[in-house]
């Protein structure tokens, strides 16, 4: 657990707190179906669409260039052994833009966006 807290130092920590503080609408370039509702806690992200839900482990990692990586793995968490979907996450007004940085993320999602639910968003 201590390693996880260290990974969330600085800017990543504020992103983490923001993500955990509310529900989000998730839309993605490669996903034709309607948007999913997304909830975050300190270790997991849950996507809900209609009566179906899918939970993944995630972590935020600050890179040397100052950007923040959003890394999503299987339900048990994120490890270097399991396939992950990696994005660069950037705040844009009150939403977040997710730019895929590996093949899995590009294939399954492409460019993606998290928009707070119930708030007026002009982007």
C-alpha atoms as a PDB file:
ATOM      1  CA  UNK A   1       0.000   0.000   0.000  1.00  0.00           C
ATOM      2  CA  UNK A   2       2.851   2.393   0.748  1.00  0.00           C
ATOM      3  CA  UNK A   3       4.216   2.005  -2.801  1.00  0.00           C
ATOM      4  CA  UNK A   4       0.811   2.972  -4.190  1.00  0.00           C
ATOM      5  CA  UNK A   5       0.701   6.142  -2.074  1.00  0.00           C
ATOM      6  CA  UNK A   6       4.180   7.104  -3.289  1.00  0.00           C
ATOM      7  CA  UNK A   7       3.077   6.649  -6.919  1.00  0.00           C
ATOM      8  CA  UNK A   8       0.279   9.137  -6.314  1.00  0.00           C
ATOM      9  CA  UNK A   9       2.499  11.933  -5.044  1.00  0.00           C
ATOM     10  CA  UNK A  10       2.042  15.461  -6.331  1.00  0.00           C
ATOM     11  CA  UNK A  11      -0.244  16.077  -9.291  1.00  0.00           C
ATOM     12  CA  UNK A  12      -1.332  12.432  -9.495  1.00  0.00           C
ATOM     13  CA  UNK A  13      -2.711  12.667  -5.965  1.00  0.00           C
ATOM     14  CA  UNK A  14      -5.019  15.547  -6.891  1.00  0.00           C
ATOM     15  CA  UNK A  15      -6.195  13.664  -9.998  1.00  0.00           C
ATOM     16  CA  UNK A  16      -6.878  10.589  -7.875  1.00  0.00           C
ATOM     17  CA  UNK A  17      -8.911  12.570  -5.323  1.00  0.00           C
ATOM     18  CA  UNK A  18     -10.852  14.279  -8.113  1.00  0.00           C
ATOM     19  CA  UNK A  19     -11.639  10.968  -9.848  1.00  0.00           C
ATOM     20  CA  UNK A  20     -12.811   9.400  -6.578  1.00  0.00           C
ATOM     21  CA  UNK A  21     -14.993  12.387  -5.647  1.00  0.00           C
ATOM     22  CA  UNK A  22     -17.760  11.875  -8.216  1.00  0.00           C
ATOM     23  CA  UNK A  23     -19.344   9.788 -10.973  1.00  0.00           C
ATOM     24  CA  UNK A  24     -18.059  10.179 -14.526  1.00  0.00           C
ATOM     25  CA  UNK A  25     -19.369   9.613 -18.027  1.00  0.00           C
ATOM     26  CA  UNK A  26     -16.823   7.674 -20.100  1.00  0.00           C
ATOM     27  CA  UNK A  27     -16.817   7.995 -23.876  1.00  0.00           C
ATOM     28  CA  UNK A  28     -14.230   6.560 -26.253  1.00  0.00           C
ATOM     29  CA  UNK A  29     -13.427   6.861 -29.932  1.00  0.00           C
ATOM     30  CA  UNK A  30     -13.423   3.071 -30.548  1.00  0.00           C
ATOM     31  CA  UNK A  31     -16.596   2.349 -28.541  1.00  0.00           C
ATOM     32  CA  UNK A  32     -19.796   2.650 -30.600  1.00  0.00           C
ATOM     33  CA  UNK A  33     -22.237   1.965 -27.776  1.00  0.00           C
ATOM     34  CA  UNK A  34     -23.587   4.659 -25.421  1.00  0.00           C
ATOM     35  CA  UNK A  35     -21.358   6.108 -22.723  1.00  0.00           C
ATOM     36  CA  UNK A  36     -20.608   4.195 -19.528  1.00  0.00           C
ATOM     37  CA  UNK A  37     -20.946   5.566 -16.024  1.00  0.00           C
ATOM     38  CA  UNK A  38     -17.656   5.259 -14.163  1.00  0.00           C
ATOM     39  CA  UNK A  39     -16.819   5.277 -10.426  1.00  0.00           C
ATOM     40  CA  UNK A  40     -13.333   5.280  -8.933  1.00  0.00           C
ATOM     41  CA  UNK A  41     -12.015   4.283  -5.525  1.00  0.00           C
ATOM     42  CA  UNK A  42      -8.369   4.259  -4.472  1.00  0.00           C
ATOM     43  CA  UNK A  43      -7.569   1.009  -6.341  1.00  0.00           C
ATOM     44  CA  UNK A  44     -10.426   0.190  -8.714  1.00  0.00           C
ATOM     45  CA  UNK A  45     -12.463   1.737 -11.503  1.00  0.00           C
ATOM     46  CA  UNK A  46     -15.926   0.341 -12.281  1.00  0.00           C
ATOM     47  CA  UNK A  47     -17.653   0.850 -15.634  1.00  0.00           C
ATOM     48  CA  UNK A  48     -21.460   0.517 -15.582  1.00  0.00           C
ATOM     49  CA  UNK A  49     -23.636   0.310 -18.694  1.00  0.00           C
ATOM     50  CA  UNK A  50     -27.303  -0.646 -18.308  1.00  0.00           C
ATOM     51  CA  UNK A  51     -27.311  -3.609 -15.892  1.00  0.00           C
ATOM     52  CA  UNK A  52     -23.734  -4.675 -16.628  1.00  0.00           C
ATOM     53  CA  UNK A  53     -20.637  -3.627 -14.715  1.00  0.00           C
ATOM     54  CA  UNK A  54     -16.928  -4.337 -15.132  1.00  0.00           C
ATOM     55  CA  UNK A  55     -14.255  -3.518 -12.544  1.00  0.00           C
ATOM     56  CA  UNK A  56     -10.554  -3.016 -13.253  1.00  0.00           C
ATOM     57  CA  UNK A  57      -7.556  -2.212 -11.110  1.00  0.00           C
ATOM     58  CA  UNK A  58      -5.874   1.097 -11.904  1.00  0.00           C
ATOM     59  CA  UNK A  59      -3.031   3.330 -10.841  1.00  0.00           C
ATOM     60  CA  UNK A  60      -1.782   6.786 -11.678  1.00  0.00           C
ATOM     61  CA  UNK A  61       1.931   7.244 -12.272  1.00  0.00           C
ATOM     62  CA  UNK A  62       3.794  10.530 -12.592  1.00  0.00           C
ATOM     63  CA  UNK A  63       6.332  10.411 -15.436  1.00  0.00           C
ATOM     64  CA  UNK A  64       9.672  12.216 -15.587  1.00  0.00           C
ATOM     65  CA  UNK A  65       8.374  14.531 -18.339  1.00  0.00           C
ATOM     66  CA  UNK A  66       5.656  15.800 -15.953  1.00  0.00           C
ATOM     67  CA  UNK A  67       2.759  13.918 -17.555  1.00  0.00           C
ATOM     68  CA  UNK A  68       0.559  11.499 -15.620  1.00  0.00           C
ATOM     69  CA  UNK A  69      -0.081   7.944 -16.794  1.00  0.00           C
ATOM     70  CA  UNK A  70      -3.437   6.250 -16.135  1.00  0.00           C
ATOM     71  CA  UNK A  71      -2.808   2.489 -16.168  1.00  0.00           C
ATOM     72  CA  UNK A  72      -5.729   0.057 -16.105  1.00  0.00           C
ATOM     73  CA  UNK A  73      -5.290  -3.697 -15.552  1.00  0.00           C
ATOM     74  CA  UNK A  74      -7.396  -6.655 -14.476  1.00  0.00           C
ATOM     75  CA  UNK A  75      -9.681  -6.628 -11.425  1.00  0.00           C
ATOM     76  CA  UNK A  76      -6.983  -7.783  -8.999  1.00  0.00           C
ATOM     77  CA  UNK A  77      -4.839  -4.771  -9.808  1.00  0.00           C
ATOM     78  CA  UNK A  78      -2.092  -3.558 -12.078  1.00  0.00           C
ATOM     79  CA  UNK A  79       1.072  -5.613 -12.409  1.00  0.00           C
ATOM     80  CA  UNK A  80       3.908  -5.723 -14.899  1.00  0.00           C
ATOM     81  CA  UNK A  81       2.946  -9.296 -15.814  1.00  0.00           C
ATOM     82  CA  UNK A  82      -0.664  -8.716 -16.819  1.00  0.00           C
ATOM     83  CA  UNK A  83      -1.794  -6.848 -19.959  1.00  0.00           C
ATOM     84  CA  UNK A  84      -2.644  -3.225 -19.239  1.00  0.00           C
ATOM     85  CA  UNK A  85      -4.277  -0.359 -21.076  1.00  0.00           C
ATOM     86  CA  UNK A  86      -2.153   2.766 -20.678  1.00  0.00           C
ATOM     87  CA  UNK A  87      -3.214   6.367 -21.223  1.00  0.00           C
ATOM     88  CA  UNK A  88      -1.828   9.818 -20.645  1.00  0.00           C
ATOM     89  CA  UNK A  89      -4.442  11.629 -18.531  1.00  0.00           C
ATOM     90  CA  UNK A  90      -4.846  15.412 -18.704  1.00  0.00           C
ATOM     91  CA  UNK A  91      -7.388  17.683 -17.081  1.00  0.00           C
ATOM     92  CA  UNK A  92      -9.393  19.852 -19.486  1.00  0.00           C
ATOM     93  CA  UNK A  93     -11.758  22.215 -17.664  1.00  0.00           C
ATOM     94  CA  UNK A  94     -13.662  19.819 -15.369  1.00  0.00           C
ATOM     95  CA  UNK A  95     -13.212  16.752 -17.579  1.00  0.00           C
ATOM     96  CA  UNK A  96     -10.217  14.522 -18.300  1.00  0.00           C
ATOM     97  CA  UNK A  97      -8.850  13.539 -21.680  1.00  0.00           C
ATOM     98  CA  UNK A  98      -7.270  10.112 -22.006  1.00  0.00           C
ATOM     99  CA  UNK A  99      -4.751   9.628 -24.799  1.00  0.00           C
ATOM    100  CA  UNK A 100      -3.816   5.969 -25.408  1.00  0.00           C
ATOM    101  CA  UNK A 101      -0.097   5.212 -25.082  1.00  0.00           C
ATOM    102  CA  UNK A 102      -0.026   1.475 -25.830  1.00  0.00           C
ATOM    103  CA  UNK A 103      -1.561  -0.900 -28.423  1.00  0.00           C
ATOM    104  CA  UNK A 104      -4.258  -2.349 -26.135  1.00  0.00           C
ATOM    105  CA  UNK A 105      -5.575   1.093 -25.181  1.00  0.00           C
ATOM    106  CA  UNK A 106      -5.520   2.267 -28.817  1.00  0.00           C
ATOM    107  CA  UNK A 107      -7.310  -0.876 -30.007  1.00  0.00           C
ATOM    108  CA  UNK A 108     -10.038  -1.040 -27.352  1.00  0.00           C
ATOM    109  CA  UNK A 109     -10.666   2.645 -26.705  1.00  0.00           C
ATOM    110  CA  UNK A 110      -8.688   5.137 -28.790  1.00  0.00           C
ATOM    111  CA  UNK A 111      -8.979   8.713 -27.516  1.00  0.00           C
ATOM    112  CA  UNK A 112     -11.305   8.759 -24.496  1.00  0.00           C
ATOM    113  CA  UNK A 113     -12.869  11.304 -22.162  1.00  0.00           C
ATOM    114  CA  UNK A 114     -14.201  11.399 -18.601  1.00  0.00           C
ATOM    115  CA  UNK A 115     -16.858  14.049 -17.989  1.00  0.00           C
ATOM    116  CA  UNK A 116     -18.366  14.648 -14.537  1.00  0.00           C
ATOM    117  CA  UNK A 117     -22.021  13.584 -14.398  1.00  0.00           C
ATOM    118  CA  UNK A 118     -24.528  16.208 -13.377  1.00  0.00           C
ATOM    119  CA  UNK A 119     -22.286  19.183 -14.025  1.00  0.00           C
ATOM    120  CA  UNK A 120     -22.402  21.558 -16.954  1.00  0.00           C
ATOM    121  CA  UNK A 121     -19.396  20.835 -19.150  1.00  0.00           C
ATOM    122  CA  UNK A 122     -18.226  23.182 -21.879  1.00  0.00           C
ATOM    123  CA  UNK A 123     -15.142  21.881 -23.566  1.00  0.00           C
END
